[in-house]
Amino acid sequence: MILKGLPAPGEDALILVCGPPGLMQHVSGEKAKDWTQGELSGLLKKLGYTEEMVYKF
């Protein structure tokens, strides 16, 4: 399901992620304790997205 709605990983891709902590951890990894973006992990990393392609709210 997640693949149907997302652009392919690439320089022009930007994925915006927002949700409760459990969802964030599963999809993209949580934000860092100091509210910076933190390390990318989860499904998006496994699908080939990089930290430059993902913004966490």
C-alpha atoms as a PDB file:
ATOM      1  CA  MET A   1       0.000   0.000   0.000  1.00  0.00           C
ATOM      2  CA  ILE A   2       2.764   2.457   0.863  1.00  0.00           C
ATOM      3  CA  LEU A   3       4.328   2.015  -2.592  1.00  0.00           C
ATOM      4  CA  LYS A   4       1.123   2.975  -4.441  1.00  0.00           C
ATOM      5  CA  GLY A   5       1.030   6.532  -3.112  1.00  0.00           C
ATOM      6  CA  LEU A   6       4.722   7.457  -3.116  1.00  0.00           C
ATOM      7  CA  PRO A   7       7.032   8.676  -5.857  1.00  0.00           C
ATOM      8  CA  ALA A   8      10.062   6.528  -6.582  1.00  0.00           C
ATOM      9  CA  PRO A   9      13.197   7.433  -4.631  1.00  0.00           C
ATOM     10  CA  GLY A  10      15.103  10.171  -6.451  1.00  0.00           C
ATOM     11  CA  GLU A  11      16.492  13.684  -6.200  1.00  0.00           C
ATOM     12  CA  ASP A  12      13.070  15.227  -6.861  1.00  0.00           C
ATOM     13  CA  ALA A  13      11.200  13.108  -4.267  1.00  0.00           C
ATOM     14  CA  LEU A  14      10.081  14.561  -0.932  1.00  0.00           C
ATOM     15  CA  ILE A  15       8.136  12.409   1.509  1.00  0.00           C
ATOM     16  CA  LEU A  16       6.422  14.197   4.412  1.00  0.00           C
ATOM     17  CA  VAL A  17       5.757  12.004   7.449  1.00  0.00           C
ATOM     18  CA  CYS A  18       3.527  12.794  10.423  1.00  0.00           C
ATOM     19  CA  GLY A  19       1.829  10.598  12.989  1.00  0.00           C
ATOM     20  CA  PRO A  20       1.944   9.035  16.431  1.00  0.00           C
ATOM     21  CA  PRO A  21       5.290   7.678  17.686  1.00  0.00           C
ATOM     22  CA  GLY A  22       4.574   4.049  16.754  1.00  0.00           C
ATOM     23  CA  LEU A  23       3.759   4.940  13.157  1.00  0.00           C
ATOM     24  CA  MET A  24       6.747   7.256  12.866  1.00  0.00           C
ATOM     25  CA  GLN A  25       9.085   4.574  14.190  1.00  0.00           C
ATOM     26  CA  HIS A  26       7.738   2.012  11.710  1.00  0.00           C
ATOM     27  CA  VAL A  27       7.676   4.279   8.635  1.00  0.00           C
ATOM     28  CA  SER A  28      10.639   6.653   9.008  1.00  0.00           C
ATOM     29  CA  GLY A  29      12.103   6.513  12.502  1.00  0.00           C
ATOM     30  CA  GLU A  30      11.278   9.073  15.152  1.00  0.00           C
ATOM     31  CA  LYS A  31      12.637  12.598  15.335  1.00  0.00           C
ATOM     32  CA  ALA A  32      15.671  13.101  17.566  1.00  0.00           C
ATOM     33  CA  LYS A  33      15.252  14.180  21.197  1.00  0.00           C
ATOM     34  CA  ASP A  34      16.443  17.697  20.273  1.00  0.00           C
ATOM     35  CA  TRP A  35      13.646  17.886  17.637  1.00  0.00           C
ATOM     36  CA  THR A  36      16.030  17.601  14.676  1.00  0.00           C
ATOM     37  CA  GLN A  37      15.110  15.122  11.955  1.00  0.00           C
ATOM     38  CA  GLY A  38      17.068  12.233  13.429  1.00  0.00           C
ATOM     39  CA  GLU A  39      18.252   9.151  11.590  1.00  0.00           C
ATOM     40  CA  LEU A  40      16.101   7.712   8.817  1.00  0.00           C
ATOM     41  CA  SER A  41      15.018   4.130   9.439  1.00  0.00           C
ATOM     42  CA  GLY A  42      11.967   1.951   8.956  1.00  0.00           C
ATOM     43  CA  LEU A  43      10.077   1.259   5.748  1.00  0.00           C
ATOM     44  CA  LEU A  44      11.246   4.347   3.883  1.00  0.00           C
ATOM     45  CA  LYS A  45      14.905   3.489   4.396  1.00  0.00           C
ATOM     46  CA  LYS A  46      14.280  -0.103   3.306  1.00  0.00           C
ATOM     47  CA  LEU A  47      12.581   1.211   0.143  1.00  0.00           C
ATOM     48  CA  GLY A  48      15.677   3.236  -0.790  1.00  0.00           C
ATOM     49  CA  TYR A  49      14.785   6.745   0.376  1.00  0.00           C
ATOM     50  CA  THR A  50      17.508   8.908   1.934  1.00  0.00           C
ATOM     51  CA  GLU A  51      17.386  11.471   4.751  1.00  0.00           C
ATOM     52  CA  GLU A  52      17.348  14.240   2.125  1.00  0.00           C
ATOM     53  CA  MET A  53      14.101  12.829   0.667  1.00  0.00           C
ATOM     54  CA  VAL A  54      12.162  12.586   3.953  1.00  0.00           C
ATOM     55  CA  TYR A  55      10.865  15.312   6.273  1.00  0.00           C
ATOM     56  CA  LYS A  56       9.373  14.350   9.643  1.00  0.00           C
ATOM     57  CA  PHE A  57       6.844  16.593  11.381  1.00  0.00           C
END
